[in-house]
C-alpha atoms as a PDB file:
ATOM      1  CA  MET A   1     -83.684  20.968  64.364  1.00  0.00           C
ATOM      2  CA  LYS A   2     -82.239  21.442  61.141  1.00  0.00           C
ATOM      3  CA  LYS A   3     -80.378  18.761  59.600  1.00  0.00           C
ATOM      4  CA  ARG A   4     -77.121  19.167  59.547  1.00  0.00           C
ATOM      5  CA  LYS A   5     -76.019  19.194  55.418  1.00  0.00           C
ATOM      6  CA  GLU A   6     -73.643  16.492  54.622  1.00  0.00           C
ATOM      7  CA  LYS A   7     -70.269  17.773  52.748  1.00  0.00           C
ATOM      8  CA  ALA A   8     -70.612  17.174  49.168  1.00  0.00           C
ATOM      9  CA  GLU A   9     -68.007  14.616  48.145  1.00  0.00           C
ATOM     10  CA  ASN A  10     -64.807  15.616  47.067  1.00  0.00           C
ATOM     11  CA  SER A  11     -64.777  15.183  43.408  1.00  0.00           C
ATOM     12  CA  GLU A  12     -60.950  15.801  42.224  1.00  0.00           C
ATOM     13  CA  ARG A  13     -59.487  12.785  43.784  1.00  0.00           C
ATOM     14  CA  TRP A  14     -59.992  11.004  40.267  1.00  0.00           C
ATOM     15  CA  LEU A  15     -57.271  13.622  39.371  1.00  0.00           C
ATOM     16  CA  LEU A  16     -54.591  11.643  42.134  1.00  0.00           C
ATOM     17  CA  THR A  17     -55.207   8.175  40.639  1.00  0.00           C
ATOM     18  CA  TYR A  18     -54.904  10.059  37.299  1.00  0.00           C
ATOM     19  CA  SER A  19     -51.732  11.871  38.087  1.00  0.00           C
ATOM     20  CA  ASP A  20     -49.913   8.289  38.894  1.00  0.00           C
ATOM     21  CA  LEU A  21     -50.792   6.602  35.776  1.00  0.00           C
ATOM     22  CA  ILE A  22     -49.787   9.912  33.864  1.00  0.00           C
ATOM     23  CA  THR A  23     -46.215   9.658  36.020  1.00  0.00           C
ATOM     24  CA  LEU A  24     -46.121   5.726  35.100  1.00  0.00           C
ATOM     25  CA  LEU A  25     -46.981   5.893  31.530  1.00  0.00           C
ATOM     26  CA  MET A  26     -43.316   8.481  31.320  1.00  0.00           C
ATOM     27  CA  VAL A  27     -41.939   5.874  33.044  1.00  0.00           C
ATOM     28  CA  PHE A  28     -42.892   3.198  30.827  1.00  0.00           C
ATOM     29  CA  PHE A  29     -42.049   5.169  27.804  1.00  0.00           C
ATOM     30  CA  VAL A  30     -38.983   6.612  29.155  1.00  0.00           C
ATOM     31  CA  VAL A  31     -37.201   2.962  29.528  1.00  0.00           C
ATOM     32  CA  LEU A  32     -38.637   1.610  26.462  1.00  0.00           C
ATOM     33  CA  TYR A  33     -36.529   4.387  24.957  1.00  0.00           C
ATOM     34  CA  SER A  34     -33.457   4.549  26.244  1.00  0.00           C
ATOM     35  CA  SER A  35     -33.095   0.532  26.240  1.00  0.00           C
ATOM     36  CA  SER A  36     -32.024   0.742  22.666  1.00  0.00           C
ATOM     37  CA  ASN A  37     -28.758   2.829  23.740  1.00  0.00           C
ATOM     38  CA  ILE A  38     -28.478   2.407  27.555  1.00  0.00           C
ATOM     39  CA  ASP A  39     -25.219   3.210  29.658  1.00  0.00           C
ATOM     40  CA  LYS A  40     -24.208   3.797  33.269  1.00  0.00           C
ATOM     41  CA  LYS A  41     -25.365   6.816  33.772  1.00  0.00           C
ATOM     42  CA  LYS A  42     -28.297   6.688  32.060  1.00  0.00           C
ATOM     43  CA  TYR A  43     -29.253   3.762  34.084  1.00  0.00           C
ATOM     44  CA  GLU A  44     -28.571   5.451  37.297  1.00  0.00           C
ATOM     45  CA  GLN A  45     -30.652   8.072  36.269  1.00  0.00           C
ATOM     46  CA  ILE A  46     -33.643   6.007  34.868  1.00  0.00           C
ATOM     47  CA  ALA A  47     -33.465   3.902  38.279  1.00  0.00           C
ATOM     48  CA  SER A  48     -33.469   7.130  40.057  1.00  0.00           C
ATOM     49  CA  SER A  49     -36.271   8.825  38.354  1.00  0.00           C
ATOM     50  CA  MET A  50     -38.512   5.286  38.750  1.00  0.00           C
ATOM     51  CA  SER A  51     -37.566   4.920  42.453  1.00  0.00           C
ATOM     52  CA  SER A  52     -38.674   8.648  42.874  1.00  0.00           C
ATOM     53  CA  ALA A  53     -42.014   8.036  40.798  1.00  0.00           C
ATOM     54  CA  PHE A  54     -42.625   4.851  43.008  1.00  0.00           C
ATOM     55  CA  THR A  55     -42.199   6.635  46.559  1.00  0.00           C
ATOM     56  CA  GLY A  56     -43.900   9.967  46.075  1.00  0.00           C
ATOM     57  CA  GLY A  57     -41.253  12.217  44.283  1.00  0.00           C
ATOM     58  CA  THR A  58     -41.632  14.133  41.336  1.00  0.00           C
ATOM     59  CA  GLY A  59     -39.573  11.706  39.241  1.00  0.00           C
ATOM     60  CA  ILE A  60     -39.605  12.435  35.485  1.00  0.00           C
ATOM     61  CA  GLY A  61     -40.507  15.851  36.093  1.00  0.00           C
ATOM     62  CA  ASP A  62     -37.237  16.609  37.585  1.00  0.00           C
ATOM     63  CA  GLY A  63     -35.165  16.523  34.065  1.00  0.00           C
ATOM     64  CA  ASN A  64     -32.907  14.241  35.790  1.00  0.00           C
ATOM     65  CA  ILE A  65     -33.347  11.886  32.799  1.00  0.00           C
ATOM     66  CA  VAL A  66     -30.474  12.657  29.671  1.00  0.00           C
ATOM     67  CA  GLN A  67     -31.013  11.960  26.259  1.00  0.00           C
ATOM     68  CA  GLY A  68     -29.003   9.903  24.027  1.00  0.00           C
ATOM     69  CA  SER A  69     -25.911  12.084  22.353  1.00  0.00           C
ATOM     70  CA  GLU A  70     -24.452  11.384  18.482  1.00  0.00           C
ATOM     71  CA  ASN A  71     -21.432  11.815  20.123  1.00  0.00           C
ATOM     72  CA  SER A  72     -21.642   9.441  22.519  1.00  0.00           C
ATOM     73  CA  SER A  73     -21.342   6.074  20.181  1.00  0.00           C
ATOM     74  CA  ASP A  74     -18.984   4.092  22.483  1.00  0.00           C
ATOM     75  CA  GLU A  75     -21.322   4.898  25.343  1.00  0.00           C
ATOM     76  CA  GLY A  76     -24.230   2.597  24.353  1.00  0.00           C
ATOM     77  CA  GLU A  77     -21.650  -0.558  24.538  1.00  0.00           C
ATOM     78  CA  LEU A  78     -21.802  -2.572  28.116  1.00  0.00           C
ATOM     79  CA  LYS A  79     -17.834  -3.415  28.407  1.00  0.00           C
ATOM     80  CA  PRO A  80     -17.414  -6.840  30.101  1.00  0.00           C
ATOM     81  CA  LEU A  81     -15.727  -6.357  33.524  1.00  0.00           C
ATOM     82  CA  VAL A  82     -14.505  -9.663  34.314  1.00  0.00           C
ATOM     83  CA  GLN A  83     -10.875  -9.735  32.494  1.00  0.00           C
ATOM     84  CA  THR A  84     -10.072 -13.147  30.070  1.00  0.00           C
ATOM     85  CA  GLU A  85      -7.385 -15.452  30.765  1.00  0.00           C
ATOM     86  CA  GLU A  86      -6.111 -14.471  27.686  1.00  0.00           C
ATOM     87  CA  GLU A  87      -5.778 -10.676  28.452  1.00  0.00           C
ATOM     88  CA  LYS A  88      -4.164 -11.291  31.634  1.00  0.00           C
ATOM     89  CA  LEU A  89      -1.792 -13.511  30.378  1.00  0.00           C
ATOM     90  CA  GLN A  90      -1.264 -10.646  27.616  1.00  0.00           C
ATOM     91  CA  GLY A  91      -0.407  -8.288  30.433  1.00  0.00           C
ATOM     92  CA  ILE A  92       2.443 -10.650  32.212  1.00  0.00           C
ATOM     93  CA  GLU A  93       4.174 -10.615  29.118  1.00  0.00           C
ATOM     94  CA  GLY A  94       4.240  -7.195  29.051  1.00  0.00           C
ATOM     95  CA  GLN A  95       5.497  -6.756  32.765  1.00  0.00           C
ATOM     96  CA  VAL A  96       8.260  -9.484  31.845  1.00  0.00           C
ATOM     97  CA  ASP A  97       9.250  -7.802  28.723  1.00  0.00           C
ATOM     98  CA  ASP A  98      10.015  -4.104  30.432  1.00  0.00           C
ATOM     99  CA  ILE A  99      12.080  -6.490  32.987  1.00  0.00           C
ATOM    100  CA  ILE A 100      13.691  -8.130  30.115  1.00  0.00           C
ATOM    101  CA  LYS A 101      14.626  -5.043  28.514  1.00  0.00           C
ATOM    102  CA  ASN A 102      15.862  -3.256  31.871  1.00  0.00           C
ATOM    103  CA  LEU A 103      17.951  -6.130  32.539  1.00  0.00           C
ATOM    104  CA  GLY A 104      19.487  -6.338  29.162  1.00  0.00           C
ATOM    105  CA  LEU A 105      18.528  -9.836  28.548  1.00  0.00           C
ATOM    106  CA  GLU A 106      16.756  -9.186  24.753  1.00  0.00           C
ATOM    107  CA  ASP A 107      19.329 -11.436  23.052  1.00  0.00           C
ATOM    108  CA  SER A 108      19.038 -14.287  25.760  1.00  0.00           C
ATOM    109  CA  VAL A 109      15.194 -14.365  26.703  1.00  0.00           C
ATOM    110  CA  SER A 110      12.022 -14.684  24.464  1.00  0.00           C
ATOM    111  CA  THR A 111       8.623 -14.817  25.668  1.00  0.00           C
ATOM    112  CA  THR A 112       5.936 -16.213  23.546  1.00  0.00           C
ATOM    113  CA  ILE A 113       1.812 -16.921  24.256  1.00  0.00           C
ATOM    114  CA  GLU A 114       0.595 -20.145  23.415  1.00  0.00           C
ATOM    115  CA  GLU A 115      -2.896 -22.306  24.213  1.00  0.00           C
ATOM    116  CA  ARG A 116      -1.013 -23.904  27.660  1.00  0.00           C
ATOM    117  CA  GLY A 117      -0.021 -20.560  28.950  1.00  0.00           C
ATOM    118  CA  LEU A 118       2.459 -17.883  29.003  1.00  0.00           C
ATOM    119  CA  VAL A 119       6.221 -18.744  27.908  1.00  0.00           C
ATOM    120  CA  ILE A 120       9.649 -17.328  28.544  1.00  0.00           C
ATOM    121  CA  SER A 121      12.535 -19.140  27.200  1.00  0.00           C
ATOM    122  CA  PHE A 122      15.919 -18.536  28.353  1.00  0.00           C
ATOM    123  CA  ASN A 123      18.900 -19.972  26.689  1.00  0.00           C
ATOM    124  CA  ASP A 124      20.841 -22.103  28.990  1.00  0.00           C
ATOM    125  CA  SER A 125      23.920 -20.493  28.296  1.00  0.00           C
ATOM    126  CA  ILE A 126      23.037 -17.560  30.598  1.00  0.00           C
ATOM    127  CA  PHE A 127      21.453 -19.611  33.426  1.00  0.00           C
ATOM    128  CA  PHE A 128      24.430 -22.208  33.176  1.00  0.00           C
ATOM    129  CA  ASP A 129      27.848 -22.681  32.491  1.00  0.00           C
ATOM    130  CA  SER A 130      27.739 -25.792  29.928  1.00  0.00           C
ATOM    131  CA  ALA A 131      27.371 -29.010  31.246  1.00  0.00           C
ATOM    132  CA  LYS A 132      26.547 -27.898  34.463  1.00  0.00           C
ATOM    133  CA  ALA A 133      23.330 -27.268  36.716  1.00  0.00           C
ATOM    134  CA  ASP A 134      24.251 -24.745  39.278  1.00  0.00           C
ATOM    135  CA  ILE A 135      22.672 -21.340  38.414  1.00  0.00           C
ATOM    136  CA  LYS A 136      25.446 -18.493  37.744  1.00  0.00           C
ATOM    137  CA  GLU A 137      25.281 -15.951  40.237  1.00  0.00           C
ATOM    138  CA  ASN A 138      24.635 -12.921  37.941  1.00  0.00           C
ATOM    139  CA  MET A 139      21.454 -14.298  36.932  1.00  0.00           C
ATOM    140  CA  LYS A 140      19.893 -15.332  40.638  1.00  0.00           C
ATOM    141  CA  THR A 141      18.966 -11.304  41.393  1.00  0.00           C
ATOM    142  CA  LYS A 142      17.966 -11.625  38.033  1.00  0.00           C
ATOM    143  CA  LEU A 143      15.635 -14.405  38.687  1.00  0.00           C
ATOM    144  CA  VAL A 144      14.410 -12.666  42.283  1.00  0.00           C
ATOM    145  CA  ALA A 145      13.093  -9.915  40.064  1.00  0.00           C
ATOM    146  CA  LEU A 146      11.205 -12.551  37.972  1.00  0.00           C
ATOM    147  CA  SER A 147       9.588 -14.655  41.046  1.00  0.00           C
ATOM    148  CA  GLU A 148       7.907 -10.778  42.313  1.00  0.00           C
ATOM    149  CA  ILE A 149       5.630 -10.822  39.050  1.00  0.00           C
ATOM    150  CA  LEU A 150       4.889 -14.683  39.808  1.00  0.00           C
ATOM    151  CA  ASN A 151       4.205 -13.617  43.215  1.00  0.00           C
ATOM    152  CA  GLU A 152       1.398 -11.458  41.948  1.00  0.00           C
ATOM    153  CA  ILE A 153      -0.328 -14.030  40.071  1.00  0.00           C
ATOM    154  CA  ASP A 154      -2.665 -17.483  41.089  1.00  0.00           C
ATOM    155  CA  ASN A 155      -1.237 -19.781  38.035  1.00  0.00           C
ATOM    156  CA  TYR A 156       0.839 -22.503  38.045  1.00  0.00           C
ATOM    157  CA  VAL A 157       4.015 -22.511  37.054  1.00  0.00           C
ATOM    158  CA  ARG A 158       6.017 -25.089  35.495  1.00  0.00           C
ATOM    159  CA  VAL A 159      10.026 -25.044  34.826  1.00  0.00           C
ATOM    160  CA  GLU A 160      11.246 -27.098  31.529  1.00  0.00           C
ATOM    161  CA  GLY A 161      14.764 -28.330  31.098  1.00  0.00           C
ATOM    162  CA  HIS A 162      15.946 -28.919  27.702  1.00  0.00           C
ATOM    163  CA  THR A 163      19.444 -29.928  25.882  1.00  0.00           C
ATOM    164  CA  ASP A 164      20.566 -30.384  22.294  1.00  0.00           C
ATOM    165  CA  ASN A 165      21.392 -33.871  20.741  1.00  0.00           C
ATOM    166  CA  ILE A 166      24.694 -34.201  21.762  1.00  0.00           C
ATOM    167  CA  PRO A 167      25.042 -37.274  24.219  1.00  0.00           C
ATOM    168  CA  ILE A 168      26.659 -36.583  27.301  1.00  0.00           C
ATOM    169  CA  LYS A 169      28.164 -38.620  30.006  1.00  0.00           C
ATOM    170  CA  ASN A 170      30.665 -37.392  32.597  1.00  0.00           C
ATOM    171  CA  GLU A 171      31.564 -37.470  36.319  1.00  0.00           C
ATOM    172  CA  PHE A 172      27.902 -35.358  37.376  1.00  0.00           C
ATOM    173  CA  TYR A 173      25.196 -36.789  34.594  1.00  0.00           C
ATOM    174  CA  ASN A 174      24.774 -39.614  32.787  1.00  0.00           C
ATOM    175  CA  SER A 175      22.876 -38.126  30.332  1.00  0.00           C
ATOM    176  CA  ASN A 176      20.408 -35.085  28.889  1.00  0.00           C
ATOM    177  CA  TRP A 177      17.390 -35.993  31.168  1.00  0.00           C
ATOM    178  CA  GLN A 178      19.134 -35.779  34.227  1.00  0.00           C
ATOM    179  CA  LEU A 179      21.175 -32.620  32.874  1.00  0.00           C
ATOM    180  CA  SER A 180      17.613 -30.878  32.086  1.00  0.00           C
ATOM    181  CA  SER A 181      15.624 -32.028  35.056  1.00  0.00           C
ATOM    182  CA  ILE A 182      18.202 -31.069  37.595  1.00  0.00           C
ATOM    183  CA  ARG A 183      18.844 -27.461  35.969  1.00  0.00           C
ATOM    184  CA  ALA A 184      14.644 -27.207  35.999  1.00  0.00           C
ATOM    185  CA  SER A 185      14.593 -28.359  39.481  1.00  0.00           C
ATOM    186  CA  ASN A 186      17.560 -26.242  40.802  1.00  0.00           C
ATOM    187  CA  VAL A 187      15.278 -23.072  38.971  1.00  0.00           C
ATOM    188  CA  VAL A 188      12.591 -24.106  40.938  1.00  0.00           C
ATOM    189  CA  GLU A 189      14.728 -24.660  44.708  1.00  0.00           C
ATOM    190  CA  PHE A 190      16.106 -21.059  43.977  1.00  0.00           C
ATOM    191  CA  LEU A 191      12.403 -19.672  43.003  1.00  0.00           C
ATOM    192  CA  ILE A 192      11.321 -21.205  46.152  1.00  0.00           C
ATOM    193  CA  GLU A 193      13.909 -20.187  48.613  1.00  0.00           C
ATOM    194  CA  TYR A 194      15.065 -16.817  47.218  1.00  0.00           C
ATOM    195  CA  GLY A 195      11.747 -15.811  45.185  1.00  0.00           C
ATOM    196  CA  SER A 196       9.346 -17.334  48.041  1.00  0.00           C
ATOM    197  CA  VAL A 197       7.403 -18.621  45.076  1.00  0.00           C
ATOM    198  CA  SER A 198       4.520 -20.927  47.267  1.00  0.00           C
ATOM    199  CA  PRO A 199       6.179 -24.549  46.307  1.00  0.00           C
ATOM    200  CA  ASP A 200       2.434 -25.938  45.876  1.00  0.00           C
ATOM    201  CA  ARG A 201       2.272 -23.762  42.572  1.00  0.00           C
ATOM    202  CA  LEU A 202       5.811 -24.735  41.359  1.00  0.00           C
ATOM    203  CA  SER A 203       6.921 -27.892  39.246  1.00  0.00           C
ATOM    204  CA  ALA A 204       9.989 -28.870  37.527  1.00  0.00           C
ATOM    205  CA  VAL A 205      10.524 -31.335  34.231  1.00  0.00           C
ATOM    206  CA  GLY A 206      13.267 -32.427  32.451  1.00  0.00           C
ATOM    207  CA  TYR A 207      12.552 -33.284  28.781  1.00  0.00           C
ATOM    208  CA  GLY A 208      16.256 -33.956  27.431  1.00  0.00           C
ATOM    209  CA  GLU A 209      16.443 -33.357  23.480  1.00  0.00           C
ATOM    210  CA  TYR A 210      13.072 -34.756  22.740  1.00  0.00           C
ATOM    211  CA  ARG A 211      11.058 -31.021  22.198  1.00  0.00           C
ATOM    212  CA  PRO A 212      13.662 -29.559  19.870  1.00  0.00           C
ATOM    213  CA  ILE A 213      12.819 -26.265  18.480  1.00  0.00           C
ATOM    214  CA  SER A 214      14.973 -25.999  15.989  1.00  0.00           C
ATOM    215  CA  ASP A 215      17.156 -28.081  13.915  1.00  0.00           C
ATOM    216  CA  ASN A 216      19.917 -30.329  15.655  1.00  0.00           C
ATOM    217  CA  ASN A 217      21.782 -30.414  12.740  1.00  0.00           C
ATOM    218  CA  THR A 218      23.504 -27.066  12.828  1.00  0.00           C
ATOM    219  CA  GLU A 219      25.346 -25.215  15.672  1.00  0.00           C
ATOM    220  CA  GLU A 220      22.809 -22.442  15.932  1.00  0.00           C
ATOM    221  CA  GLY A 221      19.969 -24.755  16.082  1.00  0.00           C
ATOM    222  CA  ARG A 222      21.713 -26.954  18.980  1.00  0.00           C
ATOM    223  CA  ALA A 223      22.188 -23.478  20.799  1.00  0.00           C
ATOM    224  CA  LYS A 224      18.386 -22.983  20.678  1.00  0.00           C
ATOM    225  CA  ASN A 225      17.526 -26.020  21.678  1.00  0.00           C
ATOM    226  CA  ARG A 226      19.634 -25.354  24.429  1.00  0.00           C
ATOM    227  CA  ARG A 227      17.240 -23.505  26.924  1.00  0.00           C
ATOM    228  CA  VAL A 228      15.117 -23.505  30.266  1.00  0.00           C
ATOM    229  CA  ASP A 229      11.434 -22.386  29.953  1.00  0.00           C
ATOM    230  CA  ILE A 230       9.687 -20.986  32.590  1.00  0.00           C
ATOM    231  CA  LEU A 231       5.772 -21.353  31.619  1.00  0.00           C
ATOM    232  CA  ILE A 232       3.503 -19.648  33.416  1.00  0.00           C
ATOM    233  CA  LEU A 233       0.300 -21.976  33.097  1.00  0.00           C
ATOM    234  CA  ASN A 234      -2.882 -21.357  31.388  1.00  0.00           C
ATOM    235  CA  ASN A 235      -5.742 -21.754  34.274  1.00  0.00           C
ATOM    236  CA  LYS A 236      -7.898 -23.226  32.080  1.00  0.00           C
ATOM    237  CA  TYR A 237      -5.920 -26.294  33.195  1.00  0.00           C
ATOM    238  CA  ASP A 238      -6.960 -27.462  36.558  1.00  0.00           C
ATOM    239  CA  ASN A 239      -4.153 -30.014  37.237  1.00  0.00           C
ATOM    240  CA  ILE A 240      -0.910 -28.931  36.487  1.00  0.00           C
ATOM    241  CA  GLU A 241       0.167 -32.145  36.245  1.00  0.00           C
ATOM    242  CA  ASN A 242      -2.130 -32.943  33.398  1.00  0.00           C
ATOM    243  CA  ASN A 243       0.001 -31.065  31.210  1.00  0.00           C
ATOM    244  CA  ASN A 244       3.092 -32.294  31.094  1.00  0.00           C
END
């Protein structure tokens, strides 16, 4: 009986190993090249090609890798996705400024970004009659409009009352301390009751005459000092009560 001839060993198996090696080397060099000018689209294409190569696809040979372009100078930068607190406050300031303009309050209300947060400063005469703490009726709808912005953010809000240095003593208030404190408290209570602002985000403080922003020796300066500030605190302050 004739012996069956043994099949010749497949001498082409090395080609498969060689092909895999070449594919991996191509992926490696493309990654090195692209890492110097990577953008989102290019990253997705590289990831897709690498996945294809490791799962048996054609990988780089599909032509999905797009080379860098001289006209895409901005594409190489990875921009931060997280908005900073300063950028957030600037956005809020823009919204408040729009409301101030729409309500025609440019001469009586101003906004300023400080380290502690965004200060919305109201001349006291648009809020209150002289030596009184009841909010004027025509300001109530305007405060409600402002509260809509306050409800869109999570920052703490502090209402600060200020006066000039002219002593006050009448049947309602014994001092500028009392007047400024009650005015601030009334604004807070209004924001809670009619603006639906969460009480745990609000506080009121009266500074009386002791934090002036102008010279109390002139009528113009005293008018600037008589004000109510709504302070949207920078969130880097963890405890609102520590920043009085």
